[in-house]
Each structure stands twice: as C-alpha cells, then as structure tokens.
Protein backbone atom coordinates (compact mmCIF):
# COMPACT_ATOMS: atom_id res chain seq x y z
CA MET A 1 39.53 7.24 -27.70
CA LYS A 2 37.74 10.58 -27.17
CA ASN A 3 34.74 9.32 -29.13
CA ILE A 4 34.54 6.18 -27.00
CA LEU A 5 34.66 8.27 -23.82
CA LEU A 6 32.03 10.63 -25.21
CA VAL A 7 29.68 7.76 -26.07
CA LEU A 8 30.33 6.16 -22.68
CA ASN A 9 29.58 9.46 -20.89
CA ILE A 10 26.34 9.89 -22.84
CA VAL A 11 25.24 6.33 -22.05
CA LEU A 12 26.09 6.83 -18.37
CA LEU A 13 24.21 10.13 -18.31
CA ILE A 14 21.13 8.48 -19.82
CA LEU A 15 21.32 5.64 -17.31
CA VAL A 16 21.69 8.05 -14.39
CA GLY A 17 18.72 10.03 -15.70
CA TYR A 18 16.66 6.84 -16.00
CA LEU A 19 17.58 5.75 -12.47
CA TYR A 20 16.79 9.23 -11.21
CA TYR A 21 13.39 9.03 -12.91
CA LEU A 22 12.66 5.61 -11.44
CA HIS A 23 13.73 6.67 -7.98
CA PHE A 24 11.87 9.96 -7.69
CA ASN A 25 8.79 9.28 -9.80
CA ASP A 26 7.77 6.11 -8.00
CA ASN A 27 4.20 6.57 -6.73
CA LYS A 28 4.43 3.80 -4.16
CA LYS A 29 4.09 4.85 -0.53
CA VAL A 30 7.19 4.57 1.57
CA VAL A 31 6.93 2.31 4.60
CA LEU A 32 8.23 4.28 7.55
CA THR A 33 10.26 2.60 10.23
CA GLU A 34 9.76 3.50 13.87
CA SER A 35 12.91 5.62 13.93
CA HIS A 36 11.86 7.58 10.83
CA ALA A 37 8.14 7.91 11.53
CA ALA A 38 8.26 11.71 11.41
CA SER A 39 10.27 11.96 8.19
CA THR A 40 8.72 13.04 4.89
CA PRO A 41 7.86 10.49 2.19
CA GLN A 42 10.54 9.72 -0.39
CA ASN A 43 8.27 10.44 -3.33
CA GLU A 44 8.28 14.14 -2.46
CA LYS A 45 9.81 15.83 -5.52
CA SER A 46 13.45 16.85 -5.41
CA LYS A 47 14.35 20.20 -6.92
CA VAL A 48 16.94 20.18 -9.65
CA ALA A 49 18.78 23.08 -11.26
CA TYR A 50 21.50 23.41 -13.85
CA ILE A 51 24.30 25.74 -14.87
CA ASP A 52 25.06 26.35 -18.55
CA LEU A 53 28.86 25.96 -18.74
CA ASP A 54 29.21 27.90 -22.01
CA SER A 55 27.45 30.93 -20.52
CA LEU A 56 29.45 30.62 -17.32
CA GLN A 57 32.76 30.52 -19.20
CA ASN A 58 31.77 33.48 -21.39
CA ASN A 59 30.54 35.69 -18.54
CA TYR A 60 32.51 34.77 -15.41
CA SER A 61 35.18 37.48 -15.09
CA TYR A 62 37.63 35.34 -13.09
CA TYR A 63 37.45 32.57 -15.71
CA GLN A 64 38.11 35.14 -18.45
CA LYS A 65 41.15 36.48 -16.56
CA ILE A 66 42.59 33.02 -15.94
CA LYS A 67 41.96 32.05 -19.56
CA ALA A 68 43.76 35.18 -20.78
CA ASP A 69 46.70 34.42 -18.45
CA PHE A 70 46.89 30.88 -19.78
CA GLU A 71 46.77 32.04 -23.41
CA LYS A 72 49.56 34.55 -22.66
CA LYS A 73 51.71 31.79 -21.11
CA GLN A 74 50.96 29.54 -24.07
CA SER A 75 51.94 32.28 -26.54
CA GLN A 76 55.20 32.98 -24.66
CA ALA A 77 55.98 29.26 -24.64
CA ASN A 78 55.33 28.99 -28.38
CA ASP A 79 57.58 32.00 -29.01
CA GLU A 80 60.37 30.44 -26.93
CA ILE A 81 60.14 27.10 -28.76
CA THR A 82 60.04 28.85 -32.15
CA ALA A 83 63.17 30.85 -31.25
CA MET A 84 64.97 27.68 -30.13
CA GLN A 85 63.99 25.88 -33.34
CA LYS A 86 65.19 28.79 -35.46
CA LYS A 87 68.52 28.89 -33.58
CA TYR A 88 68.90 25.13 -34.05
CA GLN A 89 68.12 25.31 -37.80
CA ASN A 90 70.49 28.25 -38.35
CA ARG A 91 73.32 26.49 -36.52
CA ALA A 92 72.68 23.23 -38.37
CA MET A 93 72.82 25.09 -41.70
CA GLN A 94 76.09 26.81 -40.72
CA LEU A 95 77.68 23.50 -39.82
CA GLN A 96 76.43 21.86 -43.04
CA GLN A 97 78.01 24.64 -45.12
CA LYS A 98 81.33 24.14 -43.31
CA ALA A 99 81.13 20.34 -43.44
CA SER A 100 83.29 19.99 -46.55
CA THR A 101 86.15 21.96 -44.96
CA MET A 102 86.01 20.21 -41.58
CA ASN A 103 88.36 17.49 -40.46
CA GLN A 104 87.13 14.31 -38.74
CA LYS A 105 87.34 15.76 -35.22
CA GLU A 106 85.48 18.97 -36.17
CA GLN A 107 82.73 16.93 -37.84
CA GLU A 108 82.30 14.82 -34.70
CA GLU A 109 82.14 17.96 -32.56
CA ALA A 110 79.59 19.49 -34.92
CA MET A 111 77.42 16.35 -34.72
CA GLN A 112 77.64 16.41 -30.92
CA GLU A 113 76.63 20.07 -30.90
CA ILE A 114 73.66 19.39 -33.18
CA ASN A 115 72.58 16.37 -31.09
CA LYS A 116 72.82 18.41 -27.88
CA MET A 117 70.74 21.21 -29.41
CA GLN A 118 68.12 18.66 -30.47
CA GLN A 119 68.04 17.14 -26.98
CA ASP A 120 67.83 20.59 -25.34
CA LEU A 121 64.99 21.57 -27.65
CA ALA A 122 63.07 18.34 -26.97
CA ALA A 123 63.64 18.65 -23.21
CA ARG A 124 62.49 22.27 -23.17
CA LYS A 125 59.39 21.43 -25.21
CA GLN A 126 58.54 18.65 -22.75
CA SER A 127 59.14 20.95 -19.79
CA ILE A 128 56.92 23.67 -21.26
CA ASP A 129 54.17 21.15 -22.07
CA ASN A 130 54.29 19.91 -18.45
CA GLU A 131 54.21 23.47 -17.08
CA LEU A 132 51.22 24.40 -19.24
CA TYR A 133 49.40 21.17 -18.37
CA ASN A 134 49.96 21.70 -14.64
CA TYR A 135 48.92 25.35 -14.86
CA ASN A 136 45.77 24.41 -16.78
CA SER A 137 44.90 21.65 -14.28
CA LYS A 138 45.43 24.02 -11.36
CA MET A 139 43.31 26.67 -13.08
CA LYS A 140 40.43 24.23 -13.66
CA GLU A 141 40.63 22.96 -10.08
CA ASP A 142 40.66 26.53 -8.73
CA ILE A 143 37.60 27.53 -10.78
CA LEU A 144 35.77 24.34 -9.85
CA THR A 145 36.46 24.98 -6.15
CA LYS A 146 35.18 28.56 -6.44
CA ILE A 147 31.99 27.36 -8.14
CA GLN A 148 31.43 24.57 -5.60
CA ASP A 149 32.04 26.91 -2.65
CA PHE A 150 29.63 29.46 -4.12
CA LEU A 151 26.96 26.81 -4.75
CA LYS A 152 27.21 25.54 -1.15
CA GLU A 153 26.47 29.06 0.06
CA TYR A 154 23.86 29.68 -2.65
CA ASN A 155 22.01 26.47 -1.78
CA LYS A 156 22.43 26.59 2.02
CA ASP A 157 18.63 26.76 2.34
CA GLY A 158 18.46 23.36 0.60
CA ARG A 159 16.05 24.42 -2.14
CA TYR A 160 17.90 22.21 -4.65
CA SER A 161 18.74 18.55 -4.21
CA TYR A 162 20.95 18.52 -7.33
CA ILE A 163 22.71 21.19 -9.36
CA PHE A 164 24.08 19.87 -12.64
CA SER A 165 26.36 21.44 -15.21
CA TYR A 166 24.98 21.58 -18.73
CA GLU A 167 27.14 21.12 -21.79
CA PRO A 168 25.67 20.87 -25.29
CA GLY A 169 25.51 17.24 -26.41
CA PHE A 170 25.16 15.73 -22.94
CA MET A 171 21.55 16.58 -22.20
CA PHE A 172 18.75 16.01 -24.65
CA TYR A 173 16.17 18.13 -22.91
CA LYS A 174 16.36 20.91 -20.35
CA ASP A 175 13.67 23.02 -18.75
CA SER A 176 14.90 26.62 -18.89
CA THR A 177 13.04 27.44 -15.67
CA LEU A 178 15.65 25.31 -13.87
CA ASN A 179 18.53 27.39 -15.25
CA ILE A 180 20.33 29.19 -12.40
CA THR A 181 23.28 30.29 -14.56
CA PRO A 182 22.55 34.06 -14.35
CA ASP A 183 22.40 33.90 -10.53
CA VAL A 184 25.62 31.91 -10.38
CA ILE A 185 27.47 34.23 -12.79
CA ALA A 186 26.30 37.34 -10.91
CA GLY A 187 27.27 35.83 -7.56
CA LEU A 188 30.69 34.63 -8.73
CA ASN A 189 31.48 37.95 -10.39
CA LYS A 190 30.45 39.80 -7.23
CA LEU A 191 32.75 37.60 -5.14
CA ASP A 192 35.56 38.09 -7.64
CA SER A 193 35.23 41.90 -7.54
CA GLU A 194 35.12 41.85 -3.72
CA ASN A 195 38.30 39.75 -3.60
CA LYS A 196 40.11 42.26 -5.83
CA LYS A 197 39.57 45.05 -3.29
C-alpha cells in the first residue's frame, strides 16, 4: 500500500510540475480585460523556493526537543508493556505448575485470571498505541503550524509565489539557489529561543 501511495505521489508531483511549467512558461501574451488593464502579464516569472526537510528536522531545535520527548514516551510505553508481559508470563507459569494440584473450580478461576490478564494487556497496548499516535499527530501538526506561520511572516513581501518542501525521492532536480532552508532554520530557532524566555 505504501509503495502504491509513493508511486501515486511521484506521478502527481510530476503532473503538477508539468502543469506548472505549461502555465508559467507560456510565451503567449495575455489579453487584458477592461477591469484588469493595469495588471501585470501572467507570463511574468513566479519565484519558487524550497525547504530541505531532512536539514530542517536535523537542525530545528524545537523539532529535536519534541522528537526526544516522543522517543522518551515511546520508551516508557515499551517498558510498561514489557513489565506487563513479564508479569503475565510469570503468573501463567505459576498457575501451570499448580495445575495438577488444582480442583475444577480453581482451574476455572486460574483460566479466568489468565484471560483477564491477556485482555488487560491487549487493552493497555491499544491504549498506549492510541496515545502515542495522537501525541505524534499533535506534534506534527504543531511543527507544521509553526513552519507555516514563520513562512507567512518570512514571505510577507511576496518575493516567493510558492515554497515547497523537499524530500529525497520526490524531486528529480532542484536548483540550490532556491534553497531557503538555512534562513528558515535560523528563523525558527530564533523564535523558539525567544519563546523559551
């Protein structure tokens, strides 16, 4: 499924790039309507820039902090699940060793206890998975909002028509003169340090 989505994203990216090329590299003159007589021609070049996501993730201090927090939560969750599994296995082994000396009622109670421990373990694993997923989603949304807010301020003079994110494998060619990643990282880190004060 991931491969299909990846291929679909690449095809869509190529199509968008082709449409972008057709739209902005058309040398035909634009016919101006009376209401838009003073506007500039559409074939005036749009400025494009990009942000290298790998560099951003490696150098944005807030992202690093959030990532470390997430990894800590993930480690604590794994430790909790491991402890629950160990407790379950130890109890199951104890009950198996006593099984030959148990009467019918004790065996039924032991099975109920084991089943309840299994259910509790499965429920806790599901709960932890949901918590981590929600935390991760919130983290990504928070970072995305910070980047978008920064870029609105950064580009308030309108020098760029488009600012793309670059990920290896999604763009076949990039002009490094359009890379604004260092500016974005510096600006985001500055905002992050100011917010800590």
